[in-house]
N, C-alpha and C. Protein backbone atom coordinates (compact mmCIF):
# COMPACT_ATOMS: atom_id res chain seq x y z
N UNK A 1 68.02 -21.41 8.19
CA UNK A 1 67.77 -20.45 9.42
C UNK A 1 67.10 -19.15 8.36
N UNK A 2 68.00 -18.24 7.31
CA UNK A 2 67.20 -17.47 7.23
C UNK A 2 65.62 -17.75 6.84
N UNK A 3 65.93 -19.49 6.19
CA UNK A 3 64.44 -19.93 5.57
C UNK A 3 63.27 -19.64 6.29
N UNK A 4 63.45 -20.15 7.34
CA UNK A 4 63.05 -20.33 9.50
C UNK A 4 62.29 -18.21 9.53
N UNK A 5 62.82 -17.42 8.97
CA UNK A 5 62.84 -16.42 9.73
C UNK A 5 62.52 -15.24 8.72
N UNK A 6 62.11 -15.76 7.66
CA UNK A 6 61.59 -15.34 6.46
C UNK A 6 59.86 -14.68 7.85
N UNK A 7 59.35 -15.20 8.04
CA UNK A 7 58.22 -14.45 8.18
C UNK A 7 58.37 -12.98 9.42
N UNK A 8 59.46 -13.51 9.66
CA UNK A 8 59.75 -12.30 10.61
C UNK A 8 60.40 -10.75 9.76
N UNK A 9 60.20 -10.83 8.64
CA UNK A 9 60.33 -9.67 7.83
C UNK A 9 59.19 -8.86 7.74
N UNK A 10 59.40 -7.86 8.67
CA UNK A 10 58.02 -7.37 8.25
C UNK A 10 57.83 -5.86 8.15
N UNK A 11 57.14 -5.10 7.63
CA UNK A 11 57.07 -3.15 7.59
C UNK A 11 57.49 -3.20 8.42
N UNK A 12 56.50 -3.28 9.35
CA UNK A 12 56.46 -3.07 11.28
C UNK A 12 58.45 -2.63 11.49
N UNK A 13 58.82 -3.89 11.57
CA UNK A 13 59.82 -4.26 11.64
C UNK A 13 61.44 -2.92 11.09
N UNK A 14 60.88 -3.75 10.01
CA UNK A 14 61.84 -2.38 9.20
C UNK A 14 61.70 -1.11 9.16
N UNK A 15 60.37 -0.67 9.71
CA UNK A 15 60.19 0.73 10.33
C UNK A 15 60.15 1.23 11.47
N UNK A 16 60.69 0.58 12.38
CA UNK A 16 60.79 0.80 13.68
C UNK A 16 60.95 1.70 14.22
N UNK A 17 62.71 2.03 13.07
CA UNK A 17 63.54 3.26 13.76
C UNK A 17 63.96 2.58 14.78
N UNK A 18 64.14 1.35 15.36
CA UNK A 18 65.02 1.28 16.47
C UNK A 18 65.73 0.03 16.35
N UNK A 19 66.63 -0.13 15.03
CA UNK A 19 67.93 -0.78 14.15
C UNK A 19 67.55 -2.58 15.17
N UNK A 20 66.44 -2.74 15.47
CA UNK A 20 66.14 -4.50 16.45
C UNK A 20 66.10 -5.24 15.63
N UNK A 21 65.93 -4.64 13.99
CA UNK A 21 65.75 -5.75 12.71
C UNK A 21 67.04 -6.00 12.80
N UNK A 22 68.13 -5.19 12.83
CA UNK A 22 69.72 -5.61 12.23
C UNK A 22 70.82 -5.41 13.75
N UNK A 23 70.52 -5.52 14.86
CA UNK A 23 70.93 -5.85 15.86
C UNK A 23 70.03 -6.95 16.71
N UNK A 24 69.01 -7.46 16.88
CA UNK A 24 68.34 -8.52 16.85
C UNK A 24 68.59 -10.20 16.78
N UNK A 25 69.66 -10.81 17.03
CA UNK A 25 70.76 -12.03 16.70
C UNK A 25 69.91 -13.54 15.49
N UNK A 26 68.92 -13.33 16.23
CA UNK A 26 67.59 -13.74 15.05
C UNK A 26 67.05 -13.45 14.24
N UNK A 27 67.45 -12.48 13.38
CA UNK A 27 66.92 -11.65 12.59
C UNK A 27 68.65 -11.90 11.45
N UNK A 28 69.71 -11.36 12.38
CA UNK A 28 70.55 -10.91 11.81
C UNK A 28 71.20 -12.09 10.62
N UNK A 29 71.03 -12.89 10.19
CA UNK A 29 71.49 -13.59 8.95
C UNK A 29 70.19 -12.56 8.01
N UNK A 30 69.42 -12.87 8.49
CA UNK A 30 68.39 -12.08 6.98
C UNK A 30 68.49 -10.96 7.11
N UNK A 31 68.94 -10.23 7.78
CA UNK A 31 69.35 -8.65 7.58
C UNK A 31 70.29 -8.40 6.58
N UNK A 32 71.49 -9.53 6.82
CA UNK A 32 72.48 -9.19 5.97
C UNK A 32 72.08 -9.43 4.15
N UNK A 33 71.36 -10.58 4.03
CA UNK A 33 70.62 -10.94 2.84
C UNK A 33 69.74 -9.92 2.42
N UNK A 34 69.07 -9.40 3.15
CA UNK A 34 68.16 -7.79 2.86
C UNK A 34 69.06 -7.17 2.62
N UNK A 35 70.12 -6.75 2.98
CA UNK A 35 70.58 -5.72 2.28
C UNK A 35 71.70 -5.56 1.06
N UNK A 36 72.07 -7.38 0.62
CA UNK A 36 72.02 -7.45 -0.57
C UNK A 36 70.91 -7.44 -1.52
N UNK A 37 69.65 -8.08 -0.58
CA UNK A 37 68.48 -7.35 -1.85
C UNK A 37 68.62 -6.30 -2.44
N UNK A 38 68.82 -5.43 -1.31
CA UNK A 38 68.46 -3.95 -0.77
C UNK A 38 69.53 -3.05 -1.79
N UNK A 39 70.76 -3.49 -2.38
CA UNK A 39 71.89 -3.42 -2.90
C UNK A 39 71.05 -3.70 -4.19
N UNK A 40 70.63 -4.92 -4.61
CA UNK A 40 70.78 -5.56 -5.93
C UNK A 40 69.45 -4.63 -6.49
N UNK A 41 68.24 -4.23 -5.60
CA UNK A 41 67.03 -3.73 -5.79
C UNK A 41 67.34 -2.15 -6.54
N UNK A 42 68.49 -1.42 -5.92
CA UNK A 42 67.83 0.12 -5.78
C UNK A 42 69.14 0.44 -5.98
N UNK A 43 70.78 -0.05 -6.23
CA UNK A 43 71.86 -0.31 -6.88
C UNK A 43 72.88 0.06 -5.25
N UNK A 44 73.66 -0.10 -5.68
CA UNK A 44 74.70 -0.08 -4.44
C UNK A 44 75.14 1.29 -3.97
N UNK A 45 74.79 2.75 -5.08
CA UNK A 45 75.37 4.38 -4.66
C UNK A 45 73.93 4.33 -4.31
N UNK A 46 72.71 4.18 -4.47
CA UNK A 46 71.69 4.55 -3.58
C UNK A 46 71.37 4.30 -2.01
N UNK A 47 72.07 2.58 -1.79
CA UNK A 47 71.71 2.64 -0.79
C UNK A 47 72.67 2.87 -0.03
N UNK A 48 74.39 3.28 -0.63
CA UNK A 48 75.19 3.92 0.36
C UNK A 48 74.88 5.60 0.58
N UNK A 49 74.45 6.07 -0.21
CA UNK A 49 73.64 7.16 0.00
C UNK A 49 72.82 6.71 1.41
N UNK A 50 72.27 6.57 1.40
CA UNK A 50 70.88 6.19 2.21
C UNK A 50 71.35 5.45 4.06
N UNK A 51 72.56 4.99 3.29
CA UNK A 51 73.27 3.80 4.76
C UNK A 51 73.06 5.24 5.90
N UNK A 52 72.46 4.18 7.09
CA UNK A 52 72.90 5.69 8.09
C UNK A 52 72.19 6.76 8.26
N UNK A 53 71.10 6.69 7.27
CA UNK A 53 69.99 7.11 7.24
C UNK A 53 68.81 6.90 8.90
N UNK A 54 67.99 7.37 9.00
CA UNK A 54 66.85 7.57 10.42
C UNK A 54 66.07 6.42 9.33
N UNK A 55 65.41 6.89 8.01
CA UNK A 55 64.82 6.07 7.78
C UNK A 55 65.39 5.70 6.33
N UNK A 56 65.56 4.04 5.74
CA UNK A 56 66.33 4.11 4.52
C UNK A 56 65.18 3.78 3.39
N UNK A 57 64.41 3.27 3.43
CA UNK A 57 63.37 3.47 3.30
C UNK A 57 62.63 5.04 2.70
N UNK A 58 62.58 5.94 3.20
CA UNK A 58 62.57 7.53 2.98
C UNK A 58 63.79 7.80 2.27
N UNK A 59 64.67 7.61 2.73
CA UNK A 59 66.20 7.74 2.37
C UNK A 59 66.09 7.42 0.98
N UNK A 60 65.71 6.04 0.42
CA UNK A 60 65.86 5.61 -1.35
C UNK A 60 64.33 5.96 -1.60
N UNK A 61 63.71 6.52 -1.47
CA UNK A 61 62.25 7.24 -2.15
C UNK A 61 61.37 6.05 -2.13
N UNK A 62 61.29 5.30 -0.67
CA UNK A 62 60.16 3.99 -1.36
C UNK A 62 58.95 4.22 0.09
N UNK A 63 58.09 4.67 -1.08
CA UNK A 63 56.49 4.17 -0.72
C UNK A 63 56.65 3.20 -0.01
N UNK A 64 55.26 3.73 0.91
CA UNK A 64 55.58 2.35 1.60
C UNK A 64 55.02 0.87 0.61
N UNK A 65 53.38 1.43 -0.53
CA UNK A 65 53.32 0.20 -1.19
C UNK A 65 54.35 -0.47 -1.49
N UNK A 66 55.86 0.29 -2.33
CA UNK A 66 57.10 0.24 -2.84
C UNK A 66 57.93 -0.78 -1.71
N UNK A 67 57.67 -0.81 -0.66
CA UNK A 67 58.28 -1.18 0.72
C UNK A 67 57.76 -2.31 0.29
N UNK A 68 56.16 -2.80 0.30
CA UNK A 68 55.52 -3.63 0.72
C UNK A 68 55.79 -4.44 -0.41
N UNK A 69 56.27 -4.08 -1.68
CA UNK A 69 56.32 -4.98 -2.95
C UNK A 69 57.75 -5.41 -3.01
N UNK A 70 58.54 -4.43 -2.55
CA UNK A 70 59.63 -5.46 -2.15
C UNK A 70 59.80 -6.19 -0.62
N UNK A 71 58.83 -6.49 -0.08
CA UNK A 71 59.01 -7.59 1.42
C UNK A 71 58.32 -8.68 0.63
N UNK A 72 57.53 -8.61 -0.65
CA UNK A 72 56.71 -9.68 -1.33
C UNK A 72 57.55 -10.48 -2.01
N UNK A 73 58.60 -9.55 -2.68
CA UNK A 73 60.17 -10.26 -3.81
C UNK A 73 61.06 -11.02 -2.67
N UNK A 74 60.85 -10.43 -1.85
CA UNK A 74 62.24 -11.09 -0.39
C UNK A 74 62.36 -12.95 -1.40
N UNK A 75 61.21 -13.35 -0.10
CA UNK A 75 61.41 -14.35 -0.36
C UNK A 75 61.18 -15.35 -1.78
N UNK A 76 61.11 -14.77 -2.75
CA UNK A 76 61.53 -15.25 -3.81
C UNK A 76 62.94 -15.44 -4.21
N UNK A 77 63.38 -14.46 -4.07
CA UNK A 77 64.80 -13.63 -3.93
C UNK A 77 65.69 -14.97 -3.55
N UNK A 78 64.98 -14.88 -2.11
CA UNK A 78 66.06 -16.09 -1.09
C UNK A 78 65.93 -17.45 -1.91
N UNK A 79 64.89 -17.97 -1.78
CA UNK A 79 64.56 -19.61 -2.59
C UNK A 79 65.68 -19.34 -4.05
N UNK A 80 65.79 -18.37 -5.07
CA UNK A 80 66.57 -18.11 -5.87
C UNK A 80 67.94 -17.95 -5.97
N UNK A 81 68.78 -17.19 -5.08
CA UNK A 81 69.90 -17.48 -4.26
C UNK A 81 70.44 -17.98 -3.80
N UNK A 82 69.50 -18.56 -3.21
CA UNK A 82 69.84 -19.63 -2.61
C UNK A 82 69.61 -21.20 -1.97
N UNK A 83 69.18 -21.47 -3.13
CA UNK A 83 68.07 -22.50 -2.72
C UNK A 83 67.70 -23.03 -1.32
N UNK A 84 66.66 -22.37 -1.10
CA UNK A 84 66.28 -22.46 0.07
C UNK A 84 64.98 -23.32 -0.03
N UNK A 85 63.89 -24.01 0.64
CA UNK A 85 62.71 -24.51 0.20
C UNK A 85 62.37 -25.61 1.17
């Protein structure tokens, strides 16, 4: 399921500000894995501080470029962690 929806994870979806990514059922499994990925990448303390902010990337100090790099790294993370491919 997660592998099938990896293409849905785009900067526009994450930055939309309307929580579609986290609320839409087709994104739900992927959003949980993405949150785990973010915690591993930025640390739990930083993530918890940013949680609930209107713009998590902004709260984490992620530039558009850094967010794009995280999104490019995410499919490899999913493959490694969950042996999907």
